[in-house]
Amino acid sequence: MAVYEGARPRSTFFPRRRVEAPVVRSQAPALTRRRSRVAMRANRRPRTVGFVIGAIVIAFLLSFFSLVQTVRVSASDYDMTQLNDQYLQLQNQRQGIISDIDRVGRQSAIRRQAIANGLTQLPAPVVLPAR
């Protein structure tokens, strides 16, 4: 087990005792101590997982918004197509009704309907001599 000097918190009340290290030295060169940032010393590391999850959520929301817009445009196109078809159907009905009115409204058609209903032409007028 290795004991490092900086591994234990320093006490302000009791002076530190010097512990003699064993004479066995490793072949590795002595490393200089790195200066760590305050956030690392306080055990607060950057939360990359949180950033990744946040980025995924934002990407999902943007793609969902895009999908909603696409569906809305498709629904509008569908409604416009239905309205155009309905307009053409109404125009055809209008044209048919106008042609029926023109056909029925002529004098020959009226005479034909009257004869079909039992009406006849009036006979020649009767002229009475004056007295």
N, C-alpha and C. Protein backbone atom coordinates (compact mmCIF):
# COMPACT_ATOMS: atom_id res chain seq x y z
N MET A 1 0.84 -1.16 0.00
CA MET A 1 0.00 0.00 0.00
C MET A 1 0.89 1.23 0.00
N ALA A 2 0.58 2.15 -0.90
CA ALA A 2 1.39 3.37 -1.02
C ALA A 2 0.72 4.49 -0.25
N VAL A 3 1.49 5.29 0.38
CA VAL A 3 0.97 6.43 1.13
C VAL A 3 1.53 7.69 0.49
N TYR A 4 0.64 8.58 0.13
CA TYR A 4 1.05 9.85 -0.47
C TYR A 4 0.85 10.96 0.53
N GLU A 5 1.67 11.98 0.44
CA GLU A 5 1.61 13.06 1.43
C GLU A 5 0.33 13.86 1.31
N GLY A 6 -0.11 14.14 0.13
CA GLY A 6 -1.28 14.99 -0.05
C GLY A 6 -2.59 14.25 0.06
N ALA A 7 -2.59 12.99 0.44
CA ALA A 7 -3.80 12.20 0.43
C ALA A 7 -4.68 12.44 1.65
N ARG A 8 -4.15 12.91 2.74
CA ARG A 8 -4.93 13.11 3.96
C ARG A 8 -5.11 14.60 4.21
N PRO A 9 -6.25 14.96 4.76
CA PRO A 9 -6.46 16.38 5.06
C PRO A 9 -5.51 16.83 6.17
N ARG A 10 -5.08 18.04 6.07
CA ARG A 10 -4.17 18.59 7.08
C ARG A 10 -4.97 19.09 8.27
N SER A 11 -4.47 18.86 9.42
CA SER A 11 -5.11 19.32 10.64
C SER A 11 -4.44 20.60 11.09
N THR A 12 -5.23 21.55 11.53
CA THR A 12 -4.65 22.81 11.98
C THR A 12 -4.29 22.75 13.46
N PHE A 13 -4.85 21.80 14.22
CA PHE A 13 -4.58 21.73 15.64
C PHE A 13 -3.32 20.92 15.95
N PHE A 14 -3.14 19.83 15.25
CA PHE A 14 -1.99 18.98 15.52
C PHE A 14 -1.01 19.08 14.37
N PRO A 15 0.25 19.27 14.71
CA PRO A 15 1.24 19.30 13.63
C PRO A 15 1.38 17.91 13.02
N ARG A 16 1.74 17.88 11.77
CA ARG A 16 1.87 16.60 11.07
C ARG A 16 3.13 15.89 11.51
N ARG A 17 3.01 14.61 11.64
CA ARG A 17 4.15 13.80 11.98
C ARG A 17 4.83 13.34 10.71
N ARG A 18 6.06 13.34 10.70
CA ARG A 18 6.83 12.90 9.54
C ARG A 18 6.92 11.39 9.57
N VAL A 19 6.40 10.72 8.57
CA VAL A 19 6.46 9.27 8.50
C VAL A 19 7.59 8.92 7.56
N GLU A 20 8.45 8.07 8.06
CA GLU A 20 9.58 7.65 7.23
C GLU A 20 9.09 6.66 6.20
N ALA A 21 9.33 6.94 4.96
CA ALA A 21 8.94 6.05 3.88
C ALA A 21 9.96 4.93 3.78
N PRO A 22 9.57 3.77 3.35
CA PRO A 22 10.53 2.68 3.17
C PRO A 22 11.54 3.07 2.09
N VAL A 23 12.66 2.48 2.16
CA VAL A 23 13.79 2.82 1.29
C VAL A 23 13.56 2.32 -0.14
N VAL A 24 12.64 1.41 -0.33
CA VAL A 24 12.43 0.84 -1.66
C VAL A 24 11.85 1.92 -2.56
N ARG A 25 12.55 2.20 -3.61
CA ARG A 25 12.10 3.21 -4.56
C ARG A 25 11.79 2.54 -5.88
N SER A 26 10.77 3.05 -6.54
CA SER A 26 10.43 2.47 -7.83
C SER A 26 11.30 3.07 -8.92
N GLN A 27 11.34 2.43 -10.03
CA GLN A 27 12.15 2.87 -11.14
C GLN A 27 11.53 4.05 -11.87
N ALA A 28 10.26 4.32 -11.65
CA ALA A 28 9.55 5.38 -12.38
C ALA A 28 10.03 6.75 -11.92
N PRO A 29 10.14 7.70 -12.83
CA PRO A 29 10.55 9.05 -12.42
C PRO A 29 9.44 9.72 -11.61
N ALA A 30 9.83 10.64 -10.76
CA ALA A 30 8.86 11.35 -9.93
C ALA A 30 8.05 12.29 -10.81
N LEU A 31 6.75 12.24 -10.63
CA LEU A 31 5.87 13.08 -11.42
C LEU A 31 5.56 14.35 -10.65
N THR A 32 5.44 15.43 -11.36
CA THR A 32 5.04 16.68 -10.71
C THR A 32 3.55 16.65 -10.48
N ARG A 33 3.14 17.31 -9.47
CA ARG A 33 1.74 17.32 -9.11
C ARG A 33 0.97 18.23 -10.06
N ARG A 34 -0.15 17.70 -10.53
CA ARG A 34 -0.97 18.50 -11.43
C ARG A 34 -1.82 19.46 -10.62
N ARG A 35 -2.03 20.60 -11.17
CA ARG A 35 -2.95 21.53 -10.52
C ARG A 35 -4.35 21.26 -11.07
N SER A 36 -5.25 20.95 -10.21
CA SER A 36 -6.60 20.64 -10.69
C SER A 36 -7.48 21.87 -10.55
N ARG A 37 -8.50 21.88 -11.32
CA ARG A 37 -9.44 22.99 -11.29
C ARG A 37 -10.28 22.90 -10.02
N VAL A 38 -10.88 24.01 -9.66
CA VAL A 38 -11.69 24.06 -8.45
C VAL A 38 -12.88 23.13 -8.56
N ALA A 39 -13.50 23.05 -9.75
CA ALA A 39 -14.67 22.18 -9.91
C ALA A 39 -14.29 20.72 -9.73
N MET A 40 -13.10 20.34 -10.16
CA MET A 40 -12.67 18.96 -10.01
C MET A 40 -12.36 18.65 -8.55
N ARG A 41 -11.76 19.62 -7.86
CA ARG A 41 -11.43 19.37 -6.45
C ARG A 41 -12.69 19.28 -5.61
N ALA A 42 -13.74 19.99 -6.02
CA ALA A 42 -14.99 19.95 -5.26
C ALA A 42 -15.87 18.78 -5.69
N ASN A 43 -15.33 17.89 -6.50
CA ASN A 43 -16.04 16.71 -6.97
C ASN A 43 -17.22 17.07 -7.86
N ARG A 44 -17.13 18.19 -8.53
CA ARG A 44 -18.17 18.59 -9.48
C ARG A 44 -17.56 18.53 -10.87
N ARG A 45 -17.92 17.51 -11.59
CA ARG A 45 -17.40 17.34 -12.94
C ARG A 45 -18.45 17.81 -13.93
N PRO A 46 -18.01 18.21 -15.09
CA PRO A 46 -19.01 18.64 -16.08
C PRO A 46 -19.93 17.48 -16.43
N ARG A 47 -21.20 17.76 -16.48
CA ARG A 47 -22.20 16.72 -16.72
C ARG A 47 -22.43 16.58 -18.23
N THR A 48 -21.62 15.80 -18.87
CA THR A 48 -21.77 15.61 -20.32
C THR A 48 -23.00 14.78 -20.63
N VAL A 49 -23.38 13.90 -19.73
CA VAL A 49 -24.56 13.08 -19.97
C VAL A 49 -25.80 13.96 -20.03
N GLY A 50 -25.87 14.94 -19.13
CA GLY A 50 -26.99 15.87 -19.14
C GLY A 50 -27.06 16.67 -20.43
N PHE A 51 -25.90 17.11 -20.91
CA PHE A 51 -25.87 17.86 -22.16
C PHE A 51 -26.31 16.99 -23.32
N VAL A 52 -25.88 15.74 -23.35
CA VAL A 52 -26.25 14.84 -24.43
C VAL A 52 -27.75 14.57 -24.41
N ILE A 53 -28.30 14.32 -23.24
CA ILE A 53 -29.74 14.08 -23.14
C ILE A 53 -30.51 15.33 -23.54
N GLY A 54 -30.04 16.50 -23.11
CA GLY A 54 -30.69 17.75 -23.51
C GLY A 54 -30.65 17.95 -25.02
N ALA A 55 -29.52 17.64 -25.64
CA ALA A 55 -29.41 17.76 -27.10
C ALA A 55 -30.35 16.79 -27.80
N ILE A 56 -30.48 15.58 -27.26
CA ILE A 56 -31.40 14.60 -27.85
C ILE A 56 -32.84 15.09 -27.73
N VAL A 57 -33.20 15.63 -26.58
CA VAL A 57 -34.56 16.13 -26.38
C VAL A 57 -34.85 17.29 -27.34
N ILE A 58 -33.90 18.21 -27.49
CA ILE A 58 -34.10 19.34 -28.39
C ILE A 58 -34.22 18.86 -29.83
N ALA A 59 -33.38 17.90 -30.23
CA ALA A 59 -33.47 17.36 -31.58
C ALA A 59 -34.81 16.68 -31.80
N PHE A 60 -35.30 15.95 -30.80
CA PHE A 60 -36.61 15.31 -30.91
C PHE A 60 -37.72 16.34 -31.05
N LEU A 61 -37.67 17.40 -30.27
CA LEU A 61 -38.71 18.43 -30.35
C LEU A 61 -38.70 19.12 -31.72
N LEU A 62 -37.51 19.41 -32.23
CA LEU A 62 -37.43 20.04 -33.55
C LEU A 62 -37.96 19.12 -34.64
N SER A 63 -37.62 17.83 -34.57
CA SER A 63 -38.12 16.90 -35.58
C SER A 63 -39.63 16.71 -35.44
N PHE A 64 -40.15 16.71 -34.21
CA PHE A 64 -41.59 16.61 -33.99
C PHE A 64 -42.31 17.82 -34.56
N PHE A 65 -41.73 19.01 -34.34
CA PHE A 65 -42.31 20.25 -34.89
C PHE A 65 -42.34 20.19 -36.41
N SER A 66 -41.26 19.71 -37.01
CA SER A 66 -41.20 19.57 -38.47
C SER A 66 -42.27 18.59 -38.96
N LEU A 67 -42.44 17.49 -38.26
CA LEU A 67 -43.44 16.50 -38.63
C LEU A 67 -44.85 17.08 -38.54
N VAL A 68 -45.12 17.84 -37.50
CA VAL A 68 -46.44 18.46 -37.33
C VAL A 68 -46.72 19.43 -38.48
N GLN A 69 -45.72 20.22 -38.86
CA GLN A 69 -45.90 21.15 -39.97
C GLN A 69 -46.17 20.41 -41.27
N THR A 70 -45.46 19.31 -41.50
CA THR A 70 -45.66 18.53 -42.72
C THR A 70 -47.06 17.94 -42.76
N VAL A 71 -47.53 17.41 -41.64
CA VAL A 71 -48.88 16.85 -41.58
C VAL A 71 -49.92 17.94 -41.80
N ARG A 72 -49.69 19.11 -41.23
CA ARG A 72 -50.63 20.21 -41.39
C ARG A 72 -50.73 20.63 -42.86
N VAL A 73 -49.60 20.71 -43.55
CA VAL A 73 -49.60 21.07 -44.97
C VAL A 73 -50.32 20.00 -45.78
N SER A 74 -50.07 18.73 -45.47
CA SER A 74 -50.74 17.64 -46.19
C SER A 74 -52.25 17.70 -45.97
N ALA A 75 -52.67 17.97 -44.74
CA ALA A 75 -54.10 18.06 -44.45
C ALA A 75 -54.72 19.24 -45.20
N SER A 76 -54.01 20.36 -45.28
CA SER A 76 -54.53 21.52 -46.01
C SER A 76 -54.66 21.20 -47.50
N ASP A 77 -53.66 20.51 -48.07
CA ASP A 77 -53.75 20.12 -49.47
C ASP A 77 -54.93 19.19 -49.71
N TYR A 78 -55.16 18.26 -48.80
CA TYR A 78 -56.29 17.34 -48.91
C TYR A 78 -57.61 18.09 -48.87
N ASP A 79 -57.74 19.06 -47.94
CA ASP A 79 -58.96 19.86 -47.85
C ASP A 79 -59.18 20.68 -49.10
N MET A 80 -58.12 21.27 -49.65
CA MET A 80 -58.25 22.05 -50.87
C MET A 80 -58.70 21.18 -52.04
N THR A 81 -58.18 19.98 -52.15
CA THR A 81 -58.59 19.06 -53.21
C THR A 81 -60.06 18.70 -53.08
N GLN A 82 -60.50 18.43 -51.85
CA GLN A 82 -61.92 18.11 -51.63
C GLN A 82 -62.81 19.28 -52.00
N LEU A 83 -62.41 20.50 -51.62
CA LEU A 83 -63.21 21.67 -51.93
C LEU A 83 -63.28 21.92 -53.43
N ASN A 84 -62.18 21.71 -54.13
CA ASN A 84 -62.20 21.88 -55.59
C ASN A 84 -63.12 20.85 -56.25
N ASP A 85 -63.08 19.61 -55.78
CA ASP A 85 -63.98 18.58 -56.33
C ASP A 85 -65.44 18.93 -56.06
N GLN A 86 -65.72 19.41 -54.86
CA GLN A 86 -67.09 19.80 -54.52
C GLN A 86 -67.54 20.98 -55.37
N TYR A 87 -66.65 21.93 -55.62
CA TYR A 87 -66.97 23.09 -56.46
C TYR A 87 -67.31 22.65 -57.88
N LEU A 88 -66.51 21.72 -58.43
CA LEU A 88 -66.79 21.22 -59.79
C LEU A 88 -68.13 20.48 -59.84
N GLN A 89 -68.44 19.73 -58.80
CA GLN A 89 -69.71 19.01 -58.74
C GLN A 89 -70.88 20.00 -58.70
N LEU A 90 -70.76 21.05 -57.90
CA LEU A 90 -71.82 22.06 -57.83
C LEU A 90 -71.97 22.79 -59.17
N GLN A 91 -70.87 23.07 -59.84
CA GLN A 91 -70.95 23.72 -61.15
C GLN A 91 -71.68 22.83 -62.15
N ASN A 92 -71.41 21.52 -62.12
CA ASN A 92 -72.10 20.59 -63.02
C ASN A 92 -73.61 20.55 -62.71
N GLN A 93 -73.98 20.54 -61.41
CA GLN A 93 -75.39 20.56 -61.03
C GLN A 93 -76.06 21.85 -61.51
N ARG A 94 -75.39 22.95 -61.36
CA ARG A 94 -75.92 24.26 -61.78
C ARG A 94 -76.18 24.26 -63.29
N GLN A 95 -75.20 23.75 -64.03
CA GLN A 95 -75.34 23.71 -65.48
C GLN A 95 -76.51 22.82 -65.88
N GLY A 96 -76.67 21.68 -65.19
CA GLY A 96 -77.80 20.79 -65.48
C GLY A 96 -79.13 21.43 -65.18
N ILE A 97 -79.24 22.14 -64.07
CA ILE A 97 -80.49 22.80 -63.70
C ILE A 97 -80.82 23.90 -64.69
N ILE A 98 -79.83 24.67 -65.11
CA ILE A 98 -80.06 25.74 -66.09
C ILE A 98 -80.55 25.15 -67.41
N SER A 99 -79.95 24.06 -67.85
CA SER A 99 -80.40 23.45 -69.10
C SER A 99 -81.81 22.88 -68.96
N ASP A 100 -82.16 22.32 -67.78
CA ASP A 100 -83.53 21.83 -67.56
C ASP A 100 -84.53 22.97 -67.61
N ILE A 101 -84.20 24.11 -66.99
CA ILE A 101 -85.10 25.27 -67.00
C ILE A 101 -85.27 25.78 -68.43
N ASP A 102 -84.20 25.84 -69.18
CA ASP A 102 -84.30 26.29 -70.56
C ASP A 102 -85.15 25.33 -71.38
N ARG A 103 -85.01 24.05 -71.18
CA ARG A 103 -85.77 23.07 -71.94
C ARG A 103 -87.24 23.11 -71.57
N VAL A 104 -87.57 23.21 -70.30
CA VAL A 104 -88.96 23.19 -69.84
C VAL A 104 -89.64 24.54 -70.08
N GLY A 105 -88.91 25.60 -70.09
CA GLY A 105 -89.51 26.93 -70.20
C GLY A 105 -89.92 27.31 -71.60
N ARG A 106 -89.64 26.57 -72.63
CA ARG A 106 -90.03 26.92 -74.00
C ARG A 106 -91.53 26.66 -74.21
N GLN A 107 -92.09 27.35 -75.23
CA GLN A 107 -93.52 27.26 -75.48
C GLN A 107 -93.94 25.85 -75.87
N SER A 108 -93.14 25.19 -76.67
CA SER A 108 -93.53 23.84 -77.10
C SER A 108 -93.51 22.87 -75.92
N ALA A 109 -92.60 23.05 -75.01
CA ALA A 109 -92.54 22.16 -73.85
C ALA A 109 -93.73 22.41 -72.94
N ILE A 110 -94.14 23.65 -72.80
CA ILE A 110 -95.30 23.97 -71.95
C ILE A 110 -96.56 23.37 -72.57
N ARG A 111 -96.75 23.49 -73.92
CA ARG A 111 -97.92 22.93 -74.60
C ARG A 111 -97.93 21.42 -74.42
N ARG A 112 -96.77 20.78 -74.56
CA ARG A 112 -96.68 19.33 -74.42
C ARG A 112 -97.06 18.90 -72.99
N GLN A 113 -96.61 19.62 -71.98
CA GLN A 113 -96.96 19.27 -70.59
C GLN A 113 -98.45 19.49 -70.33
N ALA A 114 -99.02 20.52 -70.92
CA ALA A 114 -100.45 20.79 -70.73
C ALA A 114 -101.29 19.68 -71.35
N ILE A 115 -100.92 19.25 -72.55
CA ILE A 115 -101.66 18.16 -73.21
C ILE A 115 -101.50 16.88 -72.40
N ALA A 116 -100.31 16.64 -71.84
CA ALA A 116 -100.08 15.44 -71.04
C ALA A 116 -100.92 15.47 -69.77
N ASN A 117 -101.26 16.63 -69.27
CA ASN A 117 -102.06 16.75 -68.04
C ASN A 117 -103.56 16.83 -68.34
N GLY A 118 -103.94 16.70 -69.61
CA GLY A 118 -105.37 16.65 -69.94
C GLY A 118 -105.93 17.97 -70.41
N LEU A 119 -105.18 18.95 -70.56
CA LEU A 119 -105.67 20.24 -71.05
C LEU A 119 -105.58 20.23 -72.57
N THR A 120 -106.54 20.92 -73.21
CA THR A 120 -106.53 21.03 -74.67
C THR A 120 -106.57 22.49 -75.06
N GLN A 121 -106.44 22.70 -76.39
CA GLN A 121 -106.52 24.07 -76.86
C GLN A 121 -107.98 24.52 -76.86
N LEU A 122 -108.11 25.78 -76.73
CA LEU A 122 -109.46 26.33 -76.75
C LEU A 122 -110.02 26.23 -78.17
N PRO A 123 -111.32 25.93 -78.27
CA PRO A 123 -111.88 25.92 -79.62
C PRO A 123 -111.95 27.34 -80.18
N ALA A 124 -112.35 27.44 -81.38
CA ALA A 124 -112.47 28.76 -82.00
C ALA A 124 -113.53 29.55 -81.24
N PRO A 125 -113.37 30.80 -81.12
CA PRO A 125 -114.32 31.60 -80.35
C PRO A 125 -115.72 31.59 -81.01
N VAL A 126 -116.70 31.59 -80.19
CA VAL A 126 -118.07 31.60 -80.67
C VAL A 126 -118.52 33.08 -80.73
N VAL A 127 -118.95 33.47 -81.88
CA VAL A 127 -119.37 34.87 -82.05
C VAL A 127 -120.91 34.88 -82.07
N LEU A 128 -121.50 35.62 -81.23
CA LEU A 128 -122.95 35.73 -81.13
C LEU A 128 -123.40 36.99 -81.90
N PRO A 129 -124.48 36.86 -82.71
CA PRO A 129 -124.93 38.06 -83.42
C PRO A 129 -125.60 39.05 -82.44
N ALA A 130 -125.52 40.25 -82.80
CA ALA A 130 -126.06 41.29 -81.94
C ALA A 130 -127.59 41.30 -82.11
N ARG A 131 -128.39 41.63 -81.19
CA ARG A 131 -129.82 41.67 -81.29
C ARG A 131 -130.32 42.99 -81.43
